[in-house]
Amino acid sequence: MENINETAEKDIEFVQRELNRLIRDRELCTILGEECTDRMAKWDSIIDQKKDEPFSLVVIGDFKRGKSTIINAILGKNVAPTNVAPETFTINCISYGDVPSVEAVLKNGKRVNLMKDDLRRDRLSELLDFFPGELDYVDVRSDAEILKDIRIVDTPGLSDLDELDNQVQEFLLKADAVIYVASALSPFSESEQFFIASHIVPLNFSRLFVLVNMIDAMNTMEDIEKIVNRVQERCDNIMPNASVYGISGIDEYRRKIGLNRPDIKGFQDYYENEFLKFEIAMKREIIVQKDMIRQQRVFSMLKIMLNDTLNRLNIISEMLRMDRERLNELSADMQAECTALASALERKKPIIRLCVTEMMQEAERWMYEFFSKLREDIVACRTNAAVNDVEKHFYSFLMDKVGEAYRRCLEIHQQRLNDVIKDLGNELSRKLGIENLSVQNTSAGEIVNINSLEVADTVKQAAVQGMTSGTFPSATMDAFRKILHKKRQNEIIDTTLENYDDIRNNTVKDLKSLYKNFEDYAYEQLDKIYQNQAEIGSETIAQAMEMSKNLDNENVRRNLEKASEIVIGAVEVLKKY
C-alpha cells in the first residue's frame, strides 16, 4: 500500500509540475487568455491546500438533528458545543491538539483566543460584535485520539436550501468524506433528500454515512426498523453507496463518558451495537483508507483541470488554422446569426409551453388515479389495520403517500423538460457555428448541459419546497391537521374520508400551479444558454482575430504544440487512476 501511495504522490507532483510550466510561461498565458490561466492557478492552489490540510470529515444535516452530540460521542469527549442556535451560525473545525484550545478564526486571517464557555449561544453572540473582523470559523483543538487521523467539521443546520450558507458549501467542497445526520422523529424529509441529490451526489464521495439519530425516541424495535429501512430505501434511490445506521447519539455519548444511561425500553444493547457498527465502518472505509480517498479527490480535480486546458488549446489551434478572410466572414456570419436567433428564440417558446402543458395534464391524470387507489387503501384500514397501528402511523402514512406521488410526477417530468432544453440548446450551438469550431465537448457544449441541469435542479427544488416549505395549499393543510388531532381508528379514517376531496383537489391545484411556473424557469434557462453561446462564439473569434494581427502565428503554433504535448503527457499519467 505504501508503494502505491508513493507512486500516486509522485504522479500528482509530476502533473502539477507540468501544469505549472504552462502557468509560468508568459507567452502561453497570453495565448490562453487571462481567465484560463487564472483558473489554472486557482485550481493549483486548491490542490496544494488539499494536500497540506488534514483529512476533513464534514458532519452535515438540518437543525436539531444532534450533529454536535454525535461528534462528541465519536470523540468520547465533550468537545463540540451542543447549544449553538441558528442565530450564531458558526462552523467548528475540530482537530488534534496536545493542549485543548478554542480560537475564533477571522476572514482577515486574525485569530482570537476563546474559552470553552464562550461557545455558548448567548456568550458567542455577544463576542461577535467585538471581533476585529468577520468570523470565518471556530478552531477547536482536542486531544481525542481519532483526531490524529482526521479533522471533523461541525456545520450549522441546513434549515433552508435557498439560504444555504456559502461557508458550509465551501467546507463541503473541500471535504474528503461526509456524514449526513437525519432524525428518527422526522425521517429523511423531501428537502433532506434534495440536498443530498443536489449538493452531495455531484461531489462523487466514495462513501456517504447517513446516521438516523434519536432512535431512542421510538417505542418498539418494529418502529426503529421501519424508520431505518425507509431511510435506506430513499438513500438507495439517490446515492446507492450510502450506508444508513439507526443510532442514539446521546446514549452513546453518555456511555463513553460514564454518565447514567436511562434504559426504560430495554434497547440499550441495540443502541450500543449500532453505534459500534457505524464506528467500525467509519474506521474501515474512511480512516484506514484516508490517504487513498484524498488522492482520488486530488486526481479528480487534476483531470478536470487538464481537460479544461486541453479543450482551450484545441479551440485556439483550430481558430489559427483559419485565415484572416475566413475569420472576418465567420465574425459577420455570427453577428447576423445572433440577430436572427434573438427573434427565432421567441418562436421556440411555444414548444416549451406545449411540452409543459402536456406534462401538467399527464400529472393531473396520474394524481387522480393515485387518489382513487389511496381511497381504497384507507377504507381497507377499517378492517385490516390494528387500532394502535392507525394511531401511530396513519398520519405519517398519508402525508408520505401524497408527498411521494407529488414528487414522482415532478421527477419524471423534470428529466423530460431537461431533454427539451438540452435539444434546443444544442440547436443554438449548431446555428451559431460553435460545433464547427470543435468545441461541442468543451466549455460551450458544457454550458448547454450545465444550464439544462440547472432547470432540472430548479424544478426539483421547487417541488421539494412545494411539499416542505408551506406552499402546499392551506385548505389541504387544514384537512391534514383535522386528521392529525383524531385518536380513535374510526374517527381518523372518517375524518380523512370527509376531507378527502379537499386534499385531492387542492393537491392537484397546487401541482398544476407549479407546472405553470416551469415555463418561466425554462424560458430563463433558454435565454441564458443563448447568451452564453453567443458570447463564447463571439469572444473566441475576436481572440483569434486579435492573435492573427498581433502575434507571430508560427510562434503561436509552436507554443500550442508544446503546451498540448505537456497536457497530453499529464493526461496519460492520470489514465491509470
Protein backbone atom coordinates (compact mmCIF):
# COMPACT_ATOMS: atom_id res chain seq x y z
CA MET A 1 0.00 0.00 0.00
CA GLU A 2 2.84 2.39 0.79
CA ASN A 3 4.42 1.82 -2.63
CA ILE A 4 1.10 2.53 -4.35
CA ASN A 5 0.63 5.70 -2.31
CA GLU A 6 4.17 6.84 -3.02
CA THR A 7 3.68 6.29 -6.76
CA ALA A 8 0.40 8.22 -6.66
CA GLU A 9 2.02 11.12 -4.80
CA LYS A 10 4.85 11.25 -7.35
CA ASP A 11 2.33 11.27 -10.21
CA ILE A 12 0.39 14.11 -8.58
CA GLU A 13 3.60 16.10 -8.18
CA PHE A 14 4.56 15.40 -11.80
CA VAL A 15 1.19 16.55 -13.17
CA GLN A 16 1.22 19.70 -11.02
CA ARG A 17 4.78 20.42 -12.12
CA GLU A 18 3.81 20.10 -15.77
CA LEU A 19 0.80 22.36 -15.35
CA ASN A 20 2.95 24.91 -13.55
CA ARG A 21 5.19 25.01 -16.62
CA LEU A 22 2.18 26.30 -18.53
CA ILE A 23 1.17 28.78 -15.85
CA ARG A 24 4.69 30.27 -15.70
CA ASP A 25 5.05 30.55 -19.50
CA ARG A 26 4.15 34.19 -20.25
CA GLU A 27 3.78 33.71 -23.99
CA LEU A 28 1.47 30.79 -23.48
CA CYS A 29 -0.53 32.65 -20.84
CA THR A 30 -1.08 35.43 -23.37
CA ILE A 31 -2.31 32.90 -25.92
CA LEU A 32 -4.59 31.04 -23.49
CA GLY A 33 -6.03 34.22 -22.05
CA GLU A 34 -6.06 35.64 -18.55
CA GLU A 35 -9.28 33.92 -17.48
CA CYS A 36 -7.97 30.46 -18.40
CA THR A 37 -4.58 30.90 -16.71
CA ASP A 38 -6.16 32.44 -13.59
CA ARG A 39 -8.43 29.42 -13.33
CA MET A 40 -5.46 27.07 -13.67
CA ALA A 41 -3.58 28.94 -10.94
CA LYS A 42 -6.62 28.82 -8.65
CA TRP A 43 -7.04 25.06 -9.16
CA ASP A 44 -3.35 24.54 -8.47
CA SER A 45 -3.66 26.49 -5.21
CA ILE A 46 -6.71 24.48 -4.10
CA ILE A 47 -4.89 21.20 -4.81
CA ASP A 48 -1.90 22.39 -2.76
CA GLN A 49 -4.24 23.18 0.14
CA LYS A 50 -5.89 19.81 -0.28
CA LYS A 51 -2.56 18.04 0.11
CA ASP A 52 -1.43 20.09 3.11
CA GLU A 53 -4.65 20.28 5.14
CA PRO A 54 -5.70 17.38 7.40
CA PHE A 55 -8.21 14.84 6.12
CA SER A 56 -11.59 16.53 6.53
CA LEU A 57 -14.74 14.68 7.65
CA VAL A 58 -17.71 17.06 7.40
CA VAL A 59 -20.82 16.40 9.52
CA ILE A 60 -23.88 17.98 7.96
CA GLY A 61 -27.68 17.96 8.35
CA ASP A 62 -30.71 20.03 9.29
CA PHE A 63 -31.07 21.92 12.58
CA LYS A 64 -31.92 19.94 15.70
CA ARG A 65 -30.60 16.64 14.40
CA GLY A 66 -28.00 16.18 17.15
CA LYS A 67 -24.88 16.60 14.98
CA SER A 68 -22.73 18.01 17.79
CA THR A 69 -23.83 15.30 20.22
CA ILE A 70 -22.86 12.64 17.68
CA ILE A 71 -19.43 14.27 17.24
CA ASN A 72 -18.93 14.22 21.00
CA ALA A 73 -19.95 10.56 21.02
CA ILE A 74 -17.38 9.79 18.30
CA LEU A 75 -14.68 11.67 20.21
CA GLY A 76 -15.70 10.31 23.61
CA LYS A 77 -15.38 13.85 24.98
CA ASN A 78 -17.47 16.99 25.41
CA VAL A 79 -15.79 18.97 22.63
CA ALA A 80 -18.40 20.17 20.14
CA PRO A 81 -20.79 22.82 21.54
CA THR A 82 -24.30 21.38 21.68
CA ASN A 83 -26.25 24.58 22.25
CA VAL A 84 -25.32 26.63 19.19
CA ALA A 85 -28.52 28.14 17.85
CA PRO A 86 -29.32 29.18 14.28
CA GLU A 87 -28.53 32.83 15.07
CA THR A 88 -24.84 32.14 15.73
CA PHE A 89 -24.35 30.06 12.59
CA THR A 90 -20.75 29.05 13.25
CA ILE A 91 -18.65 26.34 11.68
CA ASN A 92 -16.47 24.44 14.15
CA CYS A 93 -13.32 22.75 12.84
CA ILE A 94 -12.22 20.16 15.40
CA SER A 95 -8.65 18.90 15.05
CA TYR A 96 -5.92 17.38 17.21
CA GLY A 97 -4.01 19.35 19.81
CA ASP A 98 -1.96 18.15 22.77
CA VAL A 99 -3.42 21.06 24.73
CA PRO A 100 -7.17 21.69 24.23
CA SER A 101 -7.91 25.19 22.95
CA VAL A 102 -10.52 27.27 21.15
CA GLU A 103 -9.86 30.13 18.71
CA ALA A 104 -12.09 32.25 16.52
CA VAL A 105 -10.53 32.40 13.03
CA LEU A 106 -11.49 35.60 11.21
CA LYS A 107 -11.72 36.07 7.46
CA ASN A 108 -8.88 38.61 7.59
CA GLY A 109 -6.58 35.91 8.95
CA LYS A 110 -6.56 37.14 12.55
CA ARG A 111 -7.26 34.78 15.45
CA VAL A 112 -8.98 35.47 18.75
CA ASN A 113 -8.46 33.20 21.77
CA LEU A 114 -11.70 31.95 23.32
CA MET A 115 -12.69 29.97 26.36
CA LYS A 116 -14.77 26.81 26.03
CA ASP A 117 -17.68 28.60 27.71
CA ASP A 118 -17.52 31.29 25.01
CA LEU A 119 -19.07 28.81 22.60
CA ARG A 120 -22.37 29.05 24.44
CA ARG A 121 -25.02 30.66 22.27
CA ASP A 122 -25.54 33.78 24.37
CA ARG A 123 -21.83 34.37 25.03
CA LEU A 124 -20.67 33.93 21.44
CA SER A 125 -23.43 36.20 20.14
CA GLU A 126 -22.13 38.98 22.38
CA LEU A 127 -18.49 38.46 21.35
CA LEU A 128 -19.11 38.51 17.59
CA ASP A 129 -19.64 42.28 17.62
CA PHE A 130 -16.24 42.88 19.23
CA PHE A 131 -14.10 40.72 16.92
CA PRO A 132 -11.68 42.75 14.72
CA GLY A 133 -13.20 41.25 11.59
CA GLU A 134 -15.86 38.85 10.34
CA LEU A 135 -15.83 35.34 11.79
CA ASP A 136 -14.83 32.57 9.37
CA TYR A 137 -14.89 29.51 11.63
CA VAL A 138 -14.07 28.34 15.15
CA ASP A 139 -10.85 26.32 15.50
CA VAL A 140 -11.36 23.75 18.29
CA ARG A 141 -8.40 21.60 19.41
CA SER A 142 -8.79 18.38 21.40
CA ASP A 143 -6.52 15.50 22.36
CA ALA A 144 -9.08 12.86 21.30
CA GLU A 145 -7.14 10.01 19.69
CA ILE A 146 -9.20 9.83 16.50
CA LEU A 147 -8.27 13.44 15.66
CA LYS A 148 -4.69 12.34 15.00
CA ASP A 149 -6.03 10.87 11.75
CA ILE A 150 -8.83 13.23 10.70
CA ARG A 151 -10.32 16.67 11.23
CA ILE A 152 -14.05 16.80 11.98
CA VAL A 153 -16.06 19.80 10.76
CA ASP A 154 -19.27 20.53 12.69
CA THR A 155 -21.57 22.61 10.46
CA PRO A 156 -24.66 24.71 11.15
CA GLY A 157 -28.06 23.27 10.33
CA LEU A 158 -29.47 23.45 6.84
CA SER A 159 -32.86 24.90 7.62
CA ASP A 160 -33.43 26.48 4.22
CA LEU A 161 -31.84 25.30 0.98
CA ASP A 162 -32.35 28.72 -0.63
CA GLU A 163 -30.21 30.30 2.07
CA LEU A 164 -27.55 27.59 2.28
CA ASP A 165 -24.59 29.38 3.77
CA ASN A 166 -21.66 29.86 1.39
CA GLN A 167 -19.25 28.81 4.10
CA VAL A 168 -20.99 25.45 4.52
CA GLN A 169 -20.84 24.90 0.76
CA GLU A 170 -17.14 25.76 0.72
CA PHE A 171 -16.33 23.28 3.51
CA LEU A 172 -18.43 20.66 1.75
CA LEU A 173 -16.49 21.19 -1.49
CA LYS A 174 -13.20 20.76 0.39
CA ALA A 175 -14.45 17.72 2.32
CA ASP A 176 -12.85 14.32 1.87
CA ALA A 177 -15.80 12.43 3.40
CA VAL A 178 -19.28 13.26 4.70
CA ILE A 179 -21.60 12.14 7.49
CA TYR A 180 -25.22 13.21 6.98
CA VAL A 181 -27.34 13.29 10.14
CA ALA A 182 -31.10 12.74 9.95
CA SER A 183 -33.65 12.35 12.75
CA ALA A 184 -35.91 9.41 13.53
CA LEU A 185 -38.50 11.97 14.63
CA SER A 186 -38.61 13.48 11.12
CA PRO A 187 -37.11 10.79 8.93
CA PHE A 188 -35.49 11.98 5.73
CA SER A 189 -37.77 14.75 4.53
CA GLU A 190 -38.07 15.79 0.89
CA SER A 191 -35.71 18.72 1.48
CA GLU A 192 -33.09 16.41 3.01
CA GLN A 193 -33.30 14.09 0.01
CA PHE A 194 -32.99 17.05 -2.34
CA PHE A 195 -29.93 18.35 -0.51
CA ILE A 196 -28.12 15.02 -0.85
CA ALA A 197 -29.10 14.73 -4.52
CA SER A 198 -28.11 18.28 -5.45
CA HIS A 199 -25.15 19.08 -3.15
CA ILE A 200 -23.52 15.79 -2.12
CA VAL A 201 -24.02 13.34 -5.01
CA PRO A 202 -22.32 15.62 -7.61
CA LEU A 203 -19.14 15.73 -5.48
CA ASN A 204 -18.57 11.99 -6.03
CA PHE A 205 -17.69 10.95 -2.49
CA SER A 206 -16.68 7.31 -2.34
CA ARG A 207 -18.94 6.74 0.66
CA LEU A 208 -21.71 8.59 2.48
CA PHE A 209 -22.71 7.69 6.04
CA VAL A 210 -26.31 8.58 6.93
CA LEU A 211 -26.98 8.48 10.67
CA VAL A 212 -30.63 8.33 11.72
CA ASN A 213 -30.26 9.84 15.17
CA MET A 214 -32.68 9.79 18.14
CA ILE A 215 -33.93 6.24 17.61
CA ASP A 216 -34.21 6.14 21.42
CA ALA A 217 -37.43 8.14 20.90
CA MET A 218 -39.04 5.12 19.19
CA ASN A 219 -41.21 2.84 21.31
CA THR A 220 -40.68 -0.52 19.62
CA MET A 221 -38.00 -2.31 17.61
CA GLU A 222 -40.54 -2.56 14.80
CA ASP A 223 -40.76 1.24 14.71
CA ILE A 224 -36.96 1.54 14.64
CA GLU A 225 -36.64 -0.95 11.79
CA LYS A 226 -39.36 0.77 9.77
CA ILE A 227 -37.66 4.15 10.10
CA VAL A 228 -34.18 2.88 9.24
CA ASN A 229 -35.46 0.81 6.30
CA ARG A 230 -37.43 3.75 4.96
CA VAL A 231 -34.35 5.99 5.03
CA GLN A 232 -32.22 3.24 3.43
CA GLU A 233 -34.73 2.81 0.58
CA ARG A 234 -34.79 6.54 -0.10
CA CYS A 235 -30.99 6.74 0.03
CA ASP A 236 -30.71 3.84 -2.43
CA ASN A 237 -32.69 5.88 -4.96
CA ILE A 238 -30.38 8.88 -4.57
CA MET A 239 -26.93 7.58 -3.66
CA PRO A 240 -26.55 3.78 -3.74
CA ASN A 241 -23.20 3.86 -1.90
CA ALA A 242 -24.80 5.40 1.20
CA SER A 243 -24.74 3.38 4.44
CA VAL A 244 -27.57 4.02 6.92
CA TYR A 245 -27.32 3.45 10.68
CA GLY A 246 -30.01 3.98 13.31
CA ILE A 247 -28.27 5.41 16.37
CA SER A 248 -28.75 7.25 19.63
CA GLY A 249 -26.04 9.90 19.84
CA ILE A 250 -26.95 10.92 23.38
CA ASP A 251 -26.93 7.33 24.69
CA GLU A 252 -23.52 6.63 23.15
CA TYR A 253 -22.08 9.89 24.47
CA ARG A 254 -23.33 9.08 27.98
CA ARG A 255 -21.91 5.56 27.72
CA LYS A 256 -18.46 6.75 26.68
CA ILE A 257 -18.06 9.38 29.39
CA GLY A 258 -19.59 7.18 32.10
CA LEU A 259 -22.89 9.00 32.71
CA ASN A 260 -26.14 7.31 33.67
CA ARG A 261 -28.00 5.80 30.67
CA PRO A 262 -31.76 5.50 31.23
CA ASP A 263 -32.97 2.27 29.63
CA ILE A 264 -36.74 2.23 30.15
CA LYS A 265 -37.39 0.42 26.86
CA GLY A 266 -34.61 -2.16 27.21
CA PHE A 267 -32.88 -1.25 23.93
CA GLN A 268 -29.53 -0.19 25.39
CA ASP A 269 -27.56 -3.05 23.85
CA TYR A 270 -29.06 -2.29 20.46
CA TYR A 271 -28.05 1.40 20.64
CA GLU A 272 -24.51 0.44 21.59
CA ASN A 273 -24.15 -2.21 18.88
CA GLU A 274 -25.47 0.05 16.11
CA PHE A 275 -23.10 2.86 17.03
CA LEU A 276 -20.23 0.36 17.18
CA LYS A 277 -21.14 -0.90 13.68
CA PHE A 278 -21.00 2.67 12.40
CA GLU A 279 -17.63 3.34 14.05
CA ILE A 280 -16.13 0.13 12.65
CA ALA A 281 -17.36 1.02 9.17
CA MET A 282 -16.06 4.59 9.51
CA LYS A 283 -12.64 3.31 10.56
CA ARG A 284 -12.51 0.68 7.82
CA GLU A 285 -13.84 2.78 4.95
CA ILE A 286 -12.59 6.27 5.84
CA ILE A 287 -9.79 6.39 8.39
CA VAL A 288 -7.82 3.38 7.14
CA GLN A 289 -8.26 4.48 3.52
CA LYS A 290 -7.97 8.22 4.08
CA ASP A 291 -4.76 8.61 2.07
CA MET A 292 -6.28 6.80 -0.89
CA ILE A 293 -9.51 8.82 -0.63
CA ARG A 294 -7.52 12.05 -0.51
CA GLN A 295 -5.50 11.07 -3.57
CA GLN A 296 -8.58 10.12 -5.58
CA ARG A 297 -10.17 13.50 -4.90
CA VAL A 298 -6.97 15.28 -5.99
CA PHE A 299 -6.88 13.14 -9.15
CA SER A 300 -10.47 14.15 -9.94
CA MET A 301 -9.57 17.83 -9.65
CA LEU A 302 -6.47 17.41 -11.82
CA LYS A 303 -8.46 15.65 -14.53
CA ILE A 304 -10.97 18.49 -14.66
CA MET A 305 -8.12 20.98 -14.85
CA LEU A 306 -6.35 19.09 -17.67
CA ASN A 307 -9.48 18.57 -19.74
CA ASP A 308 -10.41 22.22 -19.49
CA THR A 309 -6.91 23.32 -20.55
CA LEU A 310 -6.70 20.85 -23.43
CA ASN A 311 -10.10 21.96 -24.75
CA ARG A 312 -8.95 25.55 -24.68
CA LEU A 313 -5.77 24.68 -26.59
CA ASN A 314 -7.79 22.81 -29.23
CA ILE A 315 -10.12 25.77 -29.77
CA ILE A 316 -7.25 28.20 -30.30
CA SER A 317 -5.35 25.77 -32.55
CA GLU A 318 -8.35 25.34 -34.83
CA MET A 319 -9.01 29.07 -34.96
CA LEU A 320 -5.40 29.69 -36.04
CA ARG A 321 -5.87 27.35 -38.98
CA MET A 322 -8.41 29.78 -40.40
CA ASP A 323 -7.09 32.65 -42.49
CA ARG A 324 -7.92 36.28 -41.82
CA GLU A 325 -10.57 36.45 -44.53
CA ARG A 326 -12.36 33.40 -43.22
CA LEU A 327 -12.32 34.83 -39.68
CA ASN A 328 -13.93 38.05 -40.94
CA GLU A 329 -16.58 36.03 -42.72
CA LEU A 330 -17.17 33.92 -39.63
CA SER A 331 -17.50 37.01 -37.46
CA ALA A 332 -20.01 38.61 -39.83
CA ASP A 333 -21.96 35.36 -40.09
CA MET A 334 -22.12 35.03 -36.32
CA GLN A 335 -23.37 38.59 -35.83
CA ALA A 336 -26.08 38.02 -38.42
CA GLU A 337 -26.99 34.66 -36.91
CA CYS A 338 -27.21 36.15 -33.40
CA THR A 339 -29.61 38.82 -34.64
CA ALA A 340 -31.78 36.25 -36.37
CA LEU A 341 -31.70 33.86 -33.42
CA ALA A 342 -32.82 36.52 -30.96
CA SER A 343 -36.21 36.61 -32.65
CA ALA A 344 -36.18 32.90 -33.55
CA LEU A 345 -35.77 32.14 -29.85
CA GLU A 346 -39.20 33.59 -29.15
CA ARG A 347 -40.66 31.22 -31.71
CA LYS A 348 -39.19 28.28 -29.77
CA LYS A 349 -41.02 29.14 -26.58
CA PRO A 350 -44.36 27.64 -27.67
CA ILE A 351 -42.56 24.29 -27.85
CA ILE A 352 -41.81 24.58 -24.13
CA ARG A 353 -45.33 25.79 -23.39
CA LEU A 354 -46.85 22.82 -25.20
CA CYS A 355 -44.44 20.40 -23.52
CA VAL A 356 -45.23 21.71 -20.03
CA THR A 357 -48.99 21.69 -20.73
CA GLU A 358 -48.82 18.02 -21.77
CA MET A 359 -46.82 17.20 -18.63
CA MET A 360 -49.36 19.02 -16.45
CA GLN A 361 -52.27 17.13 -17.98
CA GLU A 362 -50.44 13.83 -17.56
CA ALA A 363 -49.60 14.64 -13.92
CA GLU A 364 -53.23 15.57 -13.22
CA ARG A 365 -54.39 12.21 -14.62
CA TRP A 366 -51.79 10.34 -12.56
CA MET A 367 -52.79 12.13 -9.37
CA TYR A 368 -56.50 11.39 -9.80
CA GLU A 369 -55.66 7.71 -10.40
CA PHE A 370 -53.39 7.74 -7.32
CA PHE A 371 -56.05 9.29 -5.08
CA SER A 372 -58.64 6.80 -6.29
CA LYS A 373 -56.40 3.90 -5.26
CA LEU A 374 -55.44 5.62 -2.00
CA ARG A 375 -59.11 5.95 -1.03
CA GLU A 376 -59.49 2.19 -1.40
CA ASP A 377 -56.47 1.62 0.85
CA ILE A 378 -57.86 3.97 3.51
CA VAL A 379 -61.24 2.27 3.53
CA ALA A 380 -59.46 -1.08 3.87
CA CYS A 381 -57.85 0.22 7.08
CA ARG A 382 -61.23 -0.08 8.80
CA THR A 383 -60.97 -3.84 8.91
CA ASN A 384 -57.34 -4.71 8.18
CA ALA A 385 -55.34 -2.41 10.49
CA ALA A 386 -54.84 -2.67 14.22
CA VAL A 387 -56.02 0.35 16.21
CA ASN A 388 -52.54 1.09 17.55
CA ASP A 389 -51.04 1.00 14.07
CA VAL A 390 -53.59 3.53 12.86
CA GLU A 391 -52.96 5.83 15.81
CA LYS A 392 -49.20 5.71 15.40
CA HIS A 393 -48.67 5.62 11.67
CA PHE A 394 -51.75 6.74 9.74
CA TYR A 395 -50.98 10.46 9.58
CA SER A 396 -47.36 10.00 8.50
CA PHE A 397 -48.50 7.25 6.08
CA LEU A 398 -50.98 9.63 4.45
CA MET A 399 -48.52 12.53 4.20
CA ASP A 400 -45.77 10.26 2.88
CA LYS A 401 -48.03 8.74 0.24
CA VAL A 402 -49.30 12.09 -1.04
CA GLY A 403 -45.82 13.60 -0.91
CA GLU A 404 -44.29 10.66 -2.78
CA ALA A 405 -46.90 10.83 -5.57
CA TYR A 406 -46.41 14.60 -5.83
CA ARG A 407 -42.62 14.22 -6.05
CA ARG A 408 -42.68 11.34 -8.52
CA CYS A 409 -44.68 13.39 -11.04
CA LEU A 410 -42.08 16.11 -10.94
CA GLU A 411 -39.09 13.74 -11.01
CA ILE A 412 -40.34 12.12 -14.21
CA HIS A 413 -41.21 15.37 -15.92
CA GLN A 414 -38.12 17.33 -14.87
CA GLN A 415 -35.97 14.92 -16.92
CA ARG A 416 -38.28 15.33 -19.91
CA LEU A 417 -38.10 19.11 -19.63
CA ASN A 418 -34.35 18.85 -19.21
CA ASP A 419 -34.12 16.97 -22.54
CA VAL A 420 -36.19 19.61 -24.33
CA ILE A 421 -33.92 22.41 -23.07
CA LYS A 422 -30.82 20.41 -23.98
CA ASP A 423 -32.04 19.78 -27.54
CA LEU A 424 -32.91 23.44 -28.04
CA GLY A 425 -29.54 24.45 -26.61
CA ASN A 426 -27.69 22.11 -28.97
CA GLU A 427 -29.66 23.55 -31.86
CA LEU A 428 -28.49 27.02 -30.82
CA SER A 429 -24.90 25.76 -30.81
CA ARG A 430 -25.22 24.48 -34.35
CA LYS A 431 -26.84 27.63 -35.65
CA LEU A 432 -24.18 29.81 -34.05
CA GLY A 433 -21.48 27.76 -35.74
CA ILE A 434 -19.94 26.66 -32.45
CA GLU A 435 -19.89 22.99 -33.41
CA ASN A 436 -17.81 23.91 -36.44
CA LEU A 437 -15.20 25.26 -34.04
CA SER A 438 -14.80 21.79 -32.48
CA VAL A 439 -15.92 22.90 -29.03
CA GLN A 440 -19.03 20.79 -28.72
CA ASN A 441 -17.34 18.90 -25.89
CA THR A 442 -15.75 21.94 -24.31
CA SER A 443 -16.95 24.96 -22.41
CA ALA A 444 -19.65 25.90 -24.91
CA GLY A 445 -21.01 22.39 -25.08
CA GLU A 446 -20.90 22.10 -21.32
CA ILE A 447 -22.96 25.27 -20.98
CA VAL A 448 -25.86 23.53 -22.69
CA ASN A 449 -25.66 20.61 -20.28
CA ILE A 450 -24.99 22.70 -17.20
CA ASN A 451 -27.87 25.09 -17.80
CA SER A 452 -30.31 22.36 -18.72
CA LEU A 453 -29.38 20.62 -15.48
CA GLU A 454 -29.99 23.89 -13.66
CA VAL A 455 -33.56 23.71 -14.95
CA ALA A 456 -33.83 20.22 -13.53
CA ASP A 457 -32.45 21.30 -10.17
CA THR A 458 -34.72 24.35 -10.08
CA VAL A 459 -37.72 22.20 -10.90
CA LYS A 460 -36.79 19.63 -8.27
CA GLN A 461 -36.15 22.30 -5.64
CA ALA A 462 -39.48 23.94 -6.42
CA ALA A 463 -41.14 20.56 -5.96
CA VAL A 464 -39.41 19.99 -2.65
CA GLN A 465 -40.36 23.40 -1.36
CA GLY A 466 -43.91 22.79 -2.51
CA MET A 467 -44.11 19.85 -0.15
CA THR A 468 -41.99 21.05 2.75
CA SER A 469 -41.94 24.82 2.95
CA GLY A 470 -45.58 25.71 3.40
CA THR A 471 -46.59 26.25 -0.23
CA PHE A 472 -48.95 23.30 -0.02
CA PRO A 473 -52.49 24.79 -0.24
CA SER A 474 -53.76 25.98 3.12
CA ALA A 475 -57.06 24.16 2.64
CA THR A 476 -55.19 20.89 2.20
CA MET A 477 -53.08 21.51 5.29
CA ASP A 478 -56.21 22.31 7.29
CA ALA A 479 -57.61 18.94 6.27
CA PHE A 480 -54.41 17.18 7.31
CA ARG A 481 -54.48 18.96 10.68
CA LYS A 482 -58.04 17.79 11.31
CA ILE A 483 -56.88 14.23 10.71
CA LEU A 484 -53.86 14.60 12.97
CA HIS A 485 -55.98 15.51 16.00
CA LYS A 486 -58.09 12.37 15.80
CA LYS A 487 -57.10 9.46 18.01
CA ARG A 488 -59.52 6.59 17.55
CA GLN A 489 -59.43 4.39 14.47
CA ASN A 490 -62.89 5.19 13.12
CA GLU A 491 -62.51 8.91 13.83
CA ILE A 492 -59.25 9.28 11.94
CA ILE A 493 -60.47 7.28 8.93
CA ASP A 494 -63.88 9.01 8.81
CA THR A 495 -62.25 12.45 9.08
CA THR A 496 -59.83 11.54 6.31
CA LEU A 497 -62.65 10.45 4.01
CA GLU A 498 -64.70 13.56 4.85
CA ASN A 499 -61.79 15.79 3.83
CA TYR A 500 -60.57 13.54 1.05
CA ASP A 501 -61.89 15.59 -1.86
CA ASP A 502 -60.32 18.75 -0.43
CA ILE A 503 -56.96 17.04 -0.08
CA ARG A 504 -57.10 15.65 -3.61
CA ASN A 505 -58.40 18.80 -5.32
CA ASN A 506 -56.03 21.16 -3.57
CA THR A 507 -53.06 18.89 -4.17
CA VAL A 508 -53.85 18.74 -7.89
CA LYS A 509 -54.43 22.50 -7.96
CA ASP A 510 -51.09 23.12 -6.29
CA LEU A 511 -49.35 20.73 -8.69
CA LYS A 512 -50.87 22.46 -11.72
CA SER A 513 -49.78 25.84 -10.39
CA LEU A 514 -46.22 24.58 -10.02
CA TYR A 515 -46.17 23.27 -13.59
CA LYS A 516 -47.18 26.73 -14.79
CA ASN A 517 -44.01 28.08 -13.19
CA PHE A 518 -41.91 25.57 -15.14
CA GLU A 519 -42.40 27.64 -18.27
CA ASP A 520 -40.73 30.67 -16.72
CA TYR A 521 -37.81 28.59 -15.44
CA ALA A 522 -37.33 27.02 -18.87
CA TYR A 523 -37.53 30.36 -20.69
CA GLU A 524 -34.93 31.88 -18.38
CA GLN A 525 -32.54 28.98 -18.91
CA LEU A 526 -33.00 29.01 -22.69
CA ASP A 527 -32.22 32.74 -22.74
CA LYS A 528 -29.16 32.08 -20.61
CA ILE A 529 -27.93 29.33 -22.95
CA TYR A 530 -28.38 31.62 -25.94
CA GLN A 531 -26.46 34.46 -24.30
CA ASN A 532 -23.62 32.18 -23.22
CA GLN A 533 -23.37 30.50 -26.61
CA ALA A 534 -23.35 33.82 -28.45
CA GLU A 535 -20.73 35.31 -26.11
CA ILE A 536 -18.44 32.29 -26.36
CA GLY A 537 -18.62 32.22 -30.16
CA SER A 538 -18.00 35.96 -30.50
CA GLU A 539 -15.21 36.06 -27.92
CA THR A 540 -13.41 33.07 -29.45
CA ILE A 541 -13.46 34.61 -32.93
CA ALA A 542 -12.40 38.00 -31.56
CA GLN A 543 -9.47 36.43 -29.73
CA ALA A 544 -8.34 34.58 -32.87
CA MET A 545 -8.56 37.77 -34.92
CA GLU A 546 -6.54 39.67 -32.33
CA MET A 547 -3.87 36.98 -32.31
CA SER A 548 -3.71 36.93 -36.10
CA LYS A 549 -3.00 40.68 -36.04
CA ASN A 550 -0.57 40.94 -33.16
CA LEU A 551 1.18 37.62 -32.83
CA ASP A 552 3.54 35.57 -34.91
CA ASN A 553 1.26 32.69 -35.91
CA GLU A 554 4.14 30.31 -36.40
CA ASN A 555 5.43 31.05 -32.92
CA VAL A 556 1.92 30.65 -31.51
CA ARG A 557 1.61 27.26 -33.21
CA ARG A 558 4.90 26.11 -31.74
CA ASN A 559 3.79 27.19 -28.27
CA LEU A 560 0.44 25.47 -28.67
CA GLU A 561 2.10 22.25 -29.79
CA LYS A 562 4.45 22.38 -26.82
CA ALA A 563 1.54 23.03 -24.43
CA SER A 564 -0.54 20.23 -25.96
CA GLU A 565 2.33 17.79 -25.53
CA ILE A 566 2.63 18.77 -21.85
CA VAL A 567 -1.10 18.39 -21.18
CA ILE A 568 -1.49 15.13 -23.14
CA GLY A 569 1.52 13.70 -21.29
CA ALA A 570 -0.10 14.58 -17.96
CA VAL A 571 -3.42 13.07 -19.09
CA GLU A 572 -1.63 9.80 -19.93
CA VAL A 573 -0.14 9.67 -16.43
CA LEU A 574 -3.61 10.01 -14.86
CA LYS A 575 -5.26 7.35 -17.03
CA LYS A 576 -4.26 4.61 -14.59
CA TYR A 577 -6.25 6.23 -11.77
